[in-house]
Amino acid sequence: MQRRFKINVDGHEYDVAVTEITEGPGNLYPDRGTMDTAHPPAPEKTAQGVTRPVPPKLQAKPGDVVSPIAGVVVSIDVAQDAQVGITTRVATLEAMKTKTYVNAGRAGTVSGIAVSAGDPVEPDQTLLTIA
């Protein structure tokens, strides 16, 4: 579909015709089902051209409370050896000025704290362990 526009560039007026591209390589949006996500991400290249391996996905152990998002730890809301219930808030995270509260998800005793306030975290990174 072609549309006509009148534009002004540095005081000069131009009459232009613009054609909308809906198919082929100029299409901004890929066709449904054409994006292959089965392959692992490619290694990063640094400014010096050296490739850095992509870190493996973090593996949580039983009893670990993990970060649901990538962000920054605002606070750890429990202490070492504290008794917690399923709905006890154990940490507060922030991403893009939005706070996310993390609950224990299980009852038990906090046996280890892996992060502290100000630490950046990735999804599935262990925040603390409940025994």
N, C-alpha and C. Protein backbone atom coordinates (compact mmCIF):
# COMPACT_ATOMS: atom_id res chain seq x y z
N MET A 1 0.85 -1.16 0.00
CA MET A 1 0.00 0.00 0.00
C MET A 1 0.90 1.23 0.00
N GLN A 2 0.64 2.14 -0.90
CA GLN A 2 1.47 3.33 -1.01
C GLN A 2 0.70 4.54 -0.46
N ARG A 3 1.43 5.37 0.33
CA ARG A 3 0.83 6.59 0.89
C ARG A 3 1.73 7.76 0.56
N ARG A 4 1.14 8.92 0.36
CA ARG A 4 1.90 10.12 0.02
C ARG A 4 1.97 11.03 1.24
N PHE A 5 3.17 11.62 1.41
CA PHE A 5 3.41 12.54 2.51
C PHE A 5 4.15 13.77 2.00
N LYS A 6 3.96 14.87 2.66
CA LYS A 6 4.70 16.08 2.37
C LYS A 6 5.59 16.31 3.59
N ILE A 7 6.93 16.37 3.37
CA ILE A 7 7.85 16.56 4.49
C ILE A 7 8.67 17.81 4.27
N ASN A 8 9.17 18.36 5.37
CA ASN A 8 9.99 19.56 5.31
C ASN A 8 11.33 19.25 5.95
N VAL A 9 12.43 19.41 5.19
CA VAL A 9 13.77 19.14 5.69
C VAL A 9 14.59 20.41 5.50
N ASP A 10 15.02 21.00 6.59
CA ASP A 10 15.84 22.23 6.55
C ASP A 10 15.22 23.31 5.67
N GLY A 11 13.92 23.49 5.78
CA GLY A 11 13.24 24.54 5.04
C GLY A 11 12.85 24.18 3.62
N HIS A 12 13.23 23.02 3.14
CA HIS A 12 12.86 22.57 1.80
C HIS A 12 11.73 21.55 1.91
N GLU A 13 10.67 21.79 1.14
CA GLU A 13 9.52 20.91 1.18
C GLU A 13 9.63 19.84 0.09
N TYR A 14 9.33 18.59 0.48
CA TYR A 14 9.40 17.47 -0.45
C TYR A 14 8.07 16.73 -0.43
N ASP A 15 7.65 16.27 -1.60
CA ASP A 15 6.47 15.43 -1.74
C ASP A 15 6.97 14.00 -1.94
N VAL A 16 6.69 13.09 -0.98
CA VAL A 16 7.23 11.73 -1.05
C VAL A 16 6.10 10.71 -1.05
N ALA A 17 6.38 9.57 -1.68
CA ALA A 17 5.47 8.43 -1.66
C ALA A 17 6.15 7.32 -0.87
N VAL A 18 5.42 6.74 0.08
CA VAL A 18 5.97 5.70 0.95
C VAL A 18 5.17 4.43 0.75
N THR A 19 5.88 3.30 0.56
CA THR A 19 5.23 2.01 0.39
C THR A 19 5.44 1.18 1.65
N GLU A 20 4.36 0.65 2.20
CA GLU A 20 4.45 -0.20 3.38
C GLU A 20 4.92 -1.59 2.97
N ILE A 21 5.93 -2.11 3.66
CA ILE A 21 6.46 -3.45 3.37
C ILE A 21 5.84 -4.41 4.37
N THR A 22 5.12 -5.39 3.88
CA THR A 22 4.46 -6.34 4.78
C THR A 22 4.99 -7.75 4.64
N GLU A 23 5.82 -8.01 3.63
CA GLU A 23 6.37 -9.35 3.42
C GLU A 23 7.83 -9.25 3.03
N GLY A 24 8.53 -10.35 3.14
CA GLY A 24 9.90 -10.41 2.66
C GLY A 24 10.90 -9.86 3.67
N PRO A 25 12.15 -9.64 3.22
CA PRO A 25 13.22 -9.27 4.13
C PRO A 25 13.05 -7.89 4.77
N GLY A 26 12.22 -7.03 4.21
CA GLY A 26 12.00 -5.71 4.79
C GLY A 26 10.96 -5.70 5.88
N ASN A 27 10.29 -6.81 6.10
CA ASN A 27 9.25 -6.91 7.11
C ASN A 27 9.88 -6.79 8.50
N LEU A 28 9.35 -5.92 9.32
CA LEU A 28 9.89 -5.72 10.66
C LEU A 28 9.59 -6.89 11.59
N TYR A 29 8.50 -7.58 11.34
CA TYR A 29 8.09 -8.66 12.23
C TYR A 29 8.24 -10.00 11.52
N PRO A 30 8.92 -10.96 12.14
CA PRO A 30 9.08 -12.26 11.48
C PRO A 30 7.75 -13.00 11.39
N ASP A 31 7.66 -13.87 10.39
CA ASP A 31 6.46 -14.68 10.25
C ASP A 31 6.35 -15.63 11.44
N ARG A 32 5.13 -15.93 11.80
CA ARG A 32 4.88 -16.82 12.94
C ARG A 32 5.56 -18.17 12.72
N GLY A 33 6.32 -18.63 13.74
CA GLY A 33 6.98 -19.92 13.69
C GLY A 33 8.32 -19.92 12.99
N THR A 34 8.84 -18.75 12.58
CA THR A 34 10.11 -18.73 11.85
C THR A 34 11.31 -18.46 12.75
N MET A 35 11.08 -18.11 13.99
CA MET A 35 12.21 -17.84 14.88
C MET A 35 12.61 -19.12 15.60
N ASP A 36 13.81 -19.60 15.34
CA ASP A 36 14.31 -20.83 15.93
C ASP A 36 15.00 -20.51 17.24
N THR A 37 14.44 -20.99 18.35
CA THR A 37 15.03 -20.73 19.66
C THR A 37 15.67 -21.97 20.26
N ALA A 38 15.81 -23.04 19.49
CA ALA A 38 16.36 -24.28 20.02
C ALA A 38 17.87 -24.22 20.21
N HIS A 39 18.54 -23.29 19.54
CA HIS A 39 19.99 -23.20 19.63
C HIS A 39 20.42 -22.35 20.81
N PRO A 40 21.53 -22.72 21.48
CA PRO A 40 22.01 -21.89 22.59
C PRO A 40 22.52 -20.55 22.07
N PRO A 41 22.58 -19.52 22.93
CA PRO A 41 23.06 -18.23 22.47
C PRO A 41 24.51 -18.29 22.04
N ALA A 42 24.86 -17.46 21.08
CA ALA A 42 26.24 -17.41 20.58
C ALA A 42 27.14 -16.74 21.61
N PRO A 43 28.43 -17.10 21.64
CA PRO A 43 29.34 -16.46 22.58
C PRO A 43 29.45 -14.96 22.30
N GLU A 44 29.67 -14.19 23.36
CA GLU A 44 29.82 -12.75 23.23
C GLU A 44 31.19 -12.41 22.68
N LYS A 45 31.27 -11.33 21.92
CA LYS A 45 32.57 -10.83 21.46
C LYS A 45 32.87 -9.55 22.22
N THR A 46 34.07 -9.45 22.75
CA THR A 46 34.48 -8.24 23.44
C THR A 46 35.00 -7.24 22.43
N ALA A 47 35.33 -6.05 22.90
CA ALA A 47 35.85 -5.01 22.01
C ALA A 47 37.15 -5.45 21.34
N GLN A 48 37.94 -6.31 21.99
CA GLN A 48 39.20 -6.78 21.43
C GLN A 48 39.00 -7.99 20.50
N GLY A 49 37.76 -8.42 20.29
CA GLY A 49 37.49 -9.54 19.40
C GLY A 49 37.59 -10.89 20.07
N VAL A 50 37.87 -10.93 21.38
CA VAL A 50 37.98 -12.19 22.11
C VAL A 50 36.57 -12.64 22.47
N THR A 51 36.30 -13.92 22.28
CA THR A 51 34.97 -14.42 22.62
C THR A 51 34.96 -14.91 24.06
N ARG A 52 33.86 -14.59 24.73
CA ARG A 52 33.64 -15.04 26.10
C ARG A 52 32.56 -16.11 26.07
N PRO A 53 32.76 -17.24 26.73
CA PRO A 53 31.72 -18.27 26.71
C PRO A 53 30.47 -17.78 27.43
N VAL A 54 29.32 -18.27 26.99
CA VAL A 54 28.07 -17.95 27.65
C VAL A 54 27.98 -18.80 28.91
N PRO A 55 27.69 -18.18 30.08
CA PRO A 55 27.63 -18.97 31.31
C PRO A 55 26.47 -19.96 31.26
N PRO A 56 26.64 -21.14 31.85
CA PRO A 56 25.56 -22.12 31.86
C PRO A 56 24.41 -21.63 32.74
N LYS A 57 23.22 -22.15 32.50
CA LYS A 57 22.06 -21.80 33.30
C LYS A 57 22.32 -22.22 34.74
N LEU A 58 21.96 -21.35 35.66
CA LEU A 58 22.18 -21.62 37.07
C LEU A 58 21.29 -22.77 37.54
N GLN A 59 21.84 -23.66 38.33
CA GLN A 59 21.10 -24.81 38.81
C GLN A 59 20.83 -24.67 40.31
N ALA A 60 19.58 -24.57 40.67
CA ALA A 60 19.20 -24.47 42.08
C ALA A 60 19.14 -25.87 42.69
N LYS A 61 19.49 -25.93 43.96
CA LYS A 61 19.42 -27.20 44.69
C LYS A 61 18.12 -27.23 45.48
N PRO A 62 17.69 -28.39 45.94
CA PRO A 62 16.48 -28.45 46.75
C PRO A 62 16.63 -27.55 47.97
N GLY A 63 15.59 -26.78 48.26
CA GLY A 63 15.62 -25.87 49.39
C GLY A 63 16.07 -24.46 49.04
N ASP A 64 16.59 -24.27 47.82
CA ASP A 64 17.03 -22.93 47.41
C ASP A 64 15.83 -22.07 47.03
N VAL A 65 15.86 -20.82 47.46
CA VAL A 65 14.90 -19.83 47.01
C VAL A 65 15.63 -19.03 45.94
N VAL A 66 15.07 -18.98 44.73
CA VAL A 66 15.77 -18.36 43.60
C VAL A 66 15.09 -17.07 43.17
N SER A 67 15.85 -16.26 42.47
CA SER A 67 15.33 -14.99 41.95
C SER A 67 14.40 -15.26 40.77
N PRO A 68 13.21 -14.66 40.78
CA PRO A 68 12.32 -14.84 39.64
C PRO A 68 12.65 -13.91 38.47
N ILE A 69 13.50 -12.91 38.71
CA ILE A 69 13.80 -11.89 37.70
C ILE A 69 15.28 -11.53 37.72
N ALA A 70 15.71 -10.82 36.68
CA ALA A 70 17.02 -10.19 36.70
C ALA A 70 16.81 -8.82 37.34
N GLY A 71 17.64 -8.48 38.29
CA GLY A 71 17.49 -7.19 38.96
C GLY A 71 18.57 -7.00 40.00
N VAL A 72 18.24 -6.20 41.00
CA VAL A 72 19.17 -5.88 42.08
C VAL A 72 18.47 -6.22 43.41
N VAL A 73 19.22 -6.79 44.34
CA VAL A 73 18.68 -7.11 45.66
C VAL A 73 18.54 -5.80 46.43
N VAL A 74 17.32 -5.47 46.83
CA VAL A 74 17.07 -4.30 47.67
C VAL A 74 17.32 -4.66 49.12
N SER A 75 16.80 -5.83 49.53
CA SER A 75 17.00 -6.27 50.91
C SER A 75 16.78 -7.77 51.02
N ILE A 76 17.46 -8.35 51.99
CA ILE A 76 17.17 -9.72 52.42
C ILE A 76 16.38 -9.53 53.71
N ASP A 77 15.14 -10.00 53.71
CA ASP A 77 14.20 -9.67 54.77
C ASP A 77 14.14 -10.69 55.90
N VAL A 78 15.07 -11.64 55.92
CA VAL A 78 15.17 -12.62 57.00
C VAL A 78 16.63 -12.75 57.41
N ALA A 79 16.85 -13.31 58.58
CA ALA A 79 18.22 -13.51 59.07
C ALA A 79 18.58 -14.99 59.00
N GLN A 80 19.86 -15.25 59.07
CA GLN A 80 20.37 -16.62 59.16
C GLN A 80 19.71 -17.31 60.35
N ASP A 81 19.31 -18.56 60.21
CA ASP A 81 18.68 -19.39 61.23
C ASP A 81 17.26 -18.96 61.60
N ALA A 82 16.65 -18.05 60.82
CA ALA A 82 15.27 -17.63 61.08
C ALA A 82 14.30 -18.72 60.64
N GLN A 83 13.22 -18.87 61.38
CA GLN A 83 12.14 -19.78 61.00
C GLN A 83 11.22 -19.05 60.03
N VAL A 84 10.90 -19.68 58.90
CA VAL A 84 10.03 -19.05 57.91
C VAL A 84 8.89 -19.99 57.54
N GLY A 85 7.79 -19.38 57.10
CA GLY A 85 6.65 -20.12 56.59
C GLY A 85 6.59 -19.97 55.07
N ILE A 86 5.62 -20.61 54.47
CA ILE A 86 5.50 -20.59 53.02
C ILE A 86 5.36 -19.17 52.47
N THR A 87 4.59 -18.33 53.16
CA THR A 87 4.32 -16.99 52.65
C THR A 87 5.22 -15.91 53.26
N THR A 88 6.23 -16.29 54.01
CA THR A 88 7.14 -15.30 54.60
C THR A 88 7.94 -14.61 53.50
N ARG A 89 7.94 -13.27 53.52
CA ARG A 89 8.76 -12.53 52.56
C ARG A 89 10.22 -12.67 52.98
N VAL A 90 11.06 -13.19 52.05
CA VAL A 90 12.46 -13.41 52.38
C VAL A 90 13.39 -12.42 51.69
N ALA A 91 12.93 -11.81 50.58
CA ALA A 91 13.80 -10.86 49.86
C ALA A 91 12.95 -9.88 49.07
N THR A 92 13.55 -8.72 48.80
CA THR A 92 12.94 -7.72 47.94
C THR A 92 13.93 -7.41 46.83
N LEU A 93 13.47 -7.53 45.59
CA LEU A 93 14.31 -7.27 44.41
C LEU A 93 13.74 -6.06 43.68
N GLU A 94 14.58 -5.42 42.86
CA GLU A 94 14.11 -4.31 42.05
C GLU A 94 14.65 -4.43 40.64
N ALA A 95 13.77 -4.17 39.68
CA ALA A 95 14.17 -4.12 38.27
C ALA A 95 13.33 -3.04 37.61
N MET A 96 13.98 -2.13 36.92
CA MET A 96 13.30 -1.04 36.24
C MET A 96 12.36 -0.28 37.17
N LYS A 97 12.85 0.03 38.36
CA LYS A 97 12.13 0.81 39.38
C LYS A 97 10.86 0.12 39.88
N THR A 98 10.76 -1.19 39.66
CA THR A 98 9.63 -1.96 40.16
C THR A 98 10.14 -2.99 41.16
N LYS A 99 9.53 -3.00 42.34
CA LYS A 99 9.94 -3.95 43.37
C LYS A 99 9.19 -5.26 43.22
N THR A 100 9.92 -6.34 43.46
CA THR A 100 9.35 -7.69 43.44
C THR A 100 9.66 -8.33 44.78
N TYR A 101 8.63 -8.81 45.44
CA TYR A 101 8.80 -9.45 46.75
C TYR A 101 8.89 -10.96 46.54
N VAL A 102 9.88 -11.59 47.18
CA VAL A 102 10.09 -13.03 47.03
C VAL A 102 9.70 -13.70 48.34
N ASN A 103 8.79 -14.66 48.25
CA ASN A 103 8.36 -15.43 49.41
C ASN A 103 9.15 -16.72 49.53
N ALA A 104 9.16 -17.29 50.72
CA ALA A 104 9.94 -18.50 50.99
C ALA A 104 9.48 -19.67 50.12
N GLY A 105 8.17 -19.85 49.97
CA GLY A 105 7.68 -20.95 49.16
C GLY A 105 7.67 -22.29 49.88
N ARG A 106 8.29 -22.34 51.04
CA ARG A 106 8.29 -23.56 51.86
C ARG A 106 8.59 -23.17 53.30
N ALA A 107 8.20 -23.99 54.22
CA ALA A 107 8.47 -23.73 55.63
C ALA A 107 9.80 -24.36 56.02
N GLY A 108 10.49 -23.73 56.94
CA GLY A 108 11.76 -24.28 57.40
C GLY A 108 12.62 -23.22 58.06
N THR A 109 13.92 -23.50 58.10
CA THR A 109 14.90 -22.61 58.73
C THR A 109 15.87 -22.11 57.67
N VAL A 110 16.14 -20.81 57.68
CA VAL A 110 17.10 -20.24 56.73
C VAL A 110 18.48 -20.78 57.09
N SER A 111 19.06 -21.57 56.20
CA SER A 111 20.35 -22.20 56.49
C SER A 111 21.51 -21.53 55.77
N GLY A 112 21.21 -20.64 54.84
CA GLY A 112 22.28 -19.94 54.14
C GLY A 112 21.73 -18.79 53.33
N ILE A 113 22.47 -17.69 53.30
CA ILE A 113 22.09 -16.52 52.51
C ILE A 113 23.20 -16.29 51.50
N ALA A 114 22.85 -16.31 50.21
CA ALA A 114 23.85 -16.27 49.15
C ALA A 114 24.11 -14.88 48.60
N VAL A 115 23.22 -13.92 48.85
CA VAL A 115 23.36 -12.57 48.31
C VAL A 115 23.11 -11.55 49.42
N SER A 116 23.46 -10.30 49.12
CA SER A 116 23.17 -9.23 50.07
C SER A 116 22.65 -8.02 49.31
N ALA A 117 22.16 -7.02 50.04
CA ALA A 117 21.60 -5.83 49.44
C ALA A 117 22.61 -5.18 48.49
N GLY A 118 22.13 -4.81 47.32
CA GLY A 118 22.98 -4.17 46.32
C GLY A 118 23.54 -5.12 45.28
N ASP A 119 23.45 -6.43 45.53
CA ASP A 119 23.98 -7.41 44.58
C ASP A 119 23.06 -7.53 43.36
N PRO A 120 23.64 -7.59 42.15
CA PRO A 120 22.81 -7.88 40.97
C PRO A 120 22.52 -9.37 40.93
N VAL A 121 21.34 -9.75 40.47
CA VAL A 121 20.97 -11.16 40.37
C VAL A 121 20.36 -11.44 39.00
N GLU A 122 20.47 -12.68 38.58
CA GLU A 122 19.89 -13.17 37.33
C GLU A 122 18.71 -14.07 37.66
N PRO A 123 17.82 -14.32 36.69
CA PRO A 123 16.74 -15.27 36.95
C PRO A 123 17.31 -16.64 37.35
N ASP A 124 16.68 -17.28 38.29
CA ASP A 124 17.05 -18.61 38.80
C ASP A 124 18.34 -18.62 39.61
N GLN A 125 18.88 -17.46 39.96
CA GLN A 125 20.05 -17.42 40.83
C GLN A 125 19.58 -17.61 42.27
N THR A 126 20.35 -18.40 43.03
CA THR A 126 19.99 -18.68 44.42
C THR A 126 20.14 -17.43 45.28
N LEU A 127 19.07 -17.12 46.03
CA LEU A 127 19.10 -16.00 46.96
C LEU A 127 19.46 -16.49 48.36
N LEU A 128 18.78 -17.56 48.77
CA LEU A 128 19.04 -18.16 50.08
C LEU A 128 18.56 -19.59 50.08
N THR A 129 18.92 -20.31 51.13
CA THR A 129 18.57 -21.73 51.24
C THR A 129 17.76 -21.94 52.50
N ILE A 130 16.71 -22.74 52.37
CA ILE A 130 15.86 -23.08 53.51
C ILE A 130 15.95 -24.59 53.72
N ALA A 131 16.31 -24.95 54.94
CA ALA A 131 16.44 -26.38 55.28
C ALA A 131 15.20 -26.86 56.00
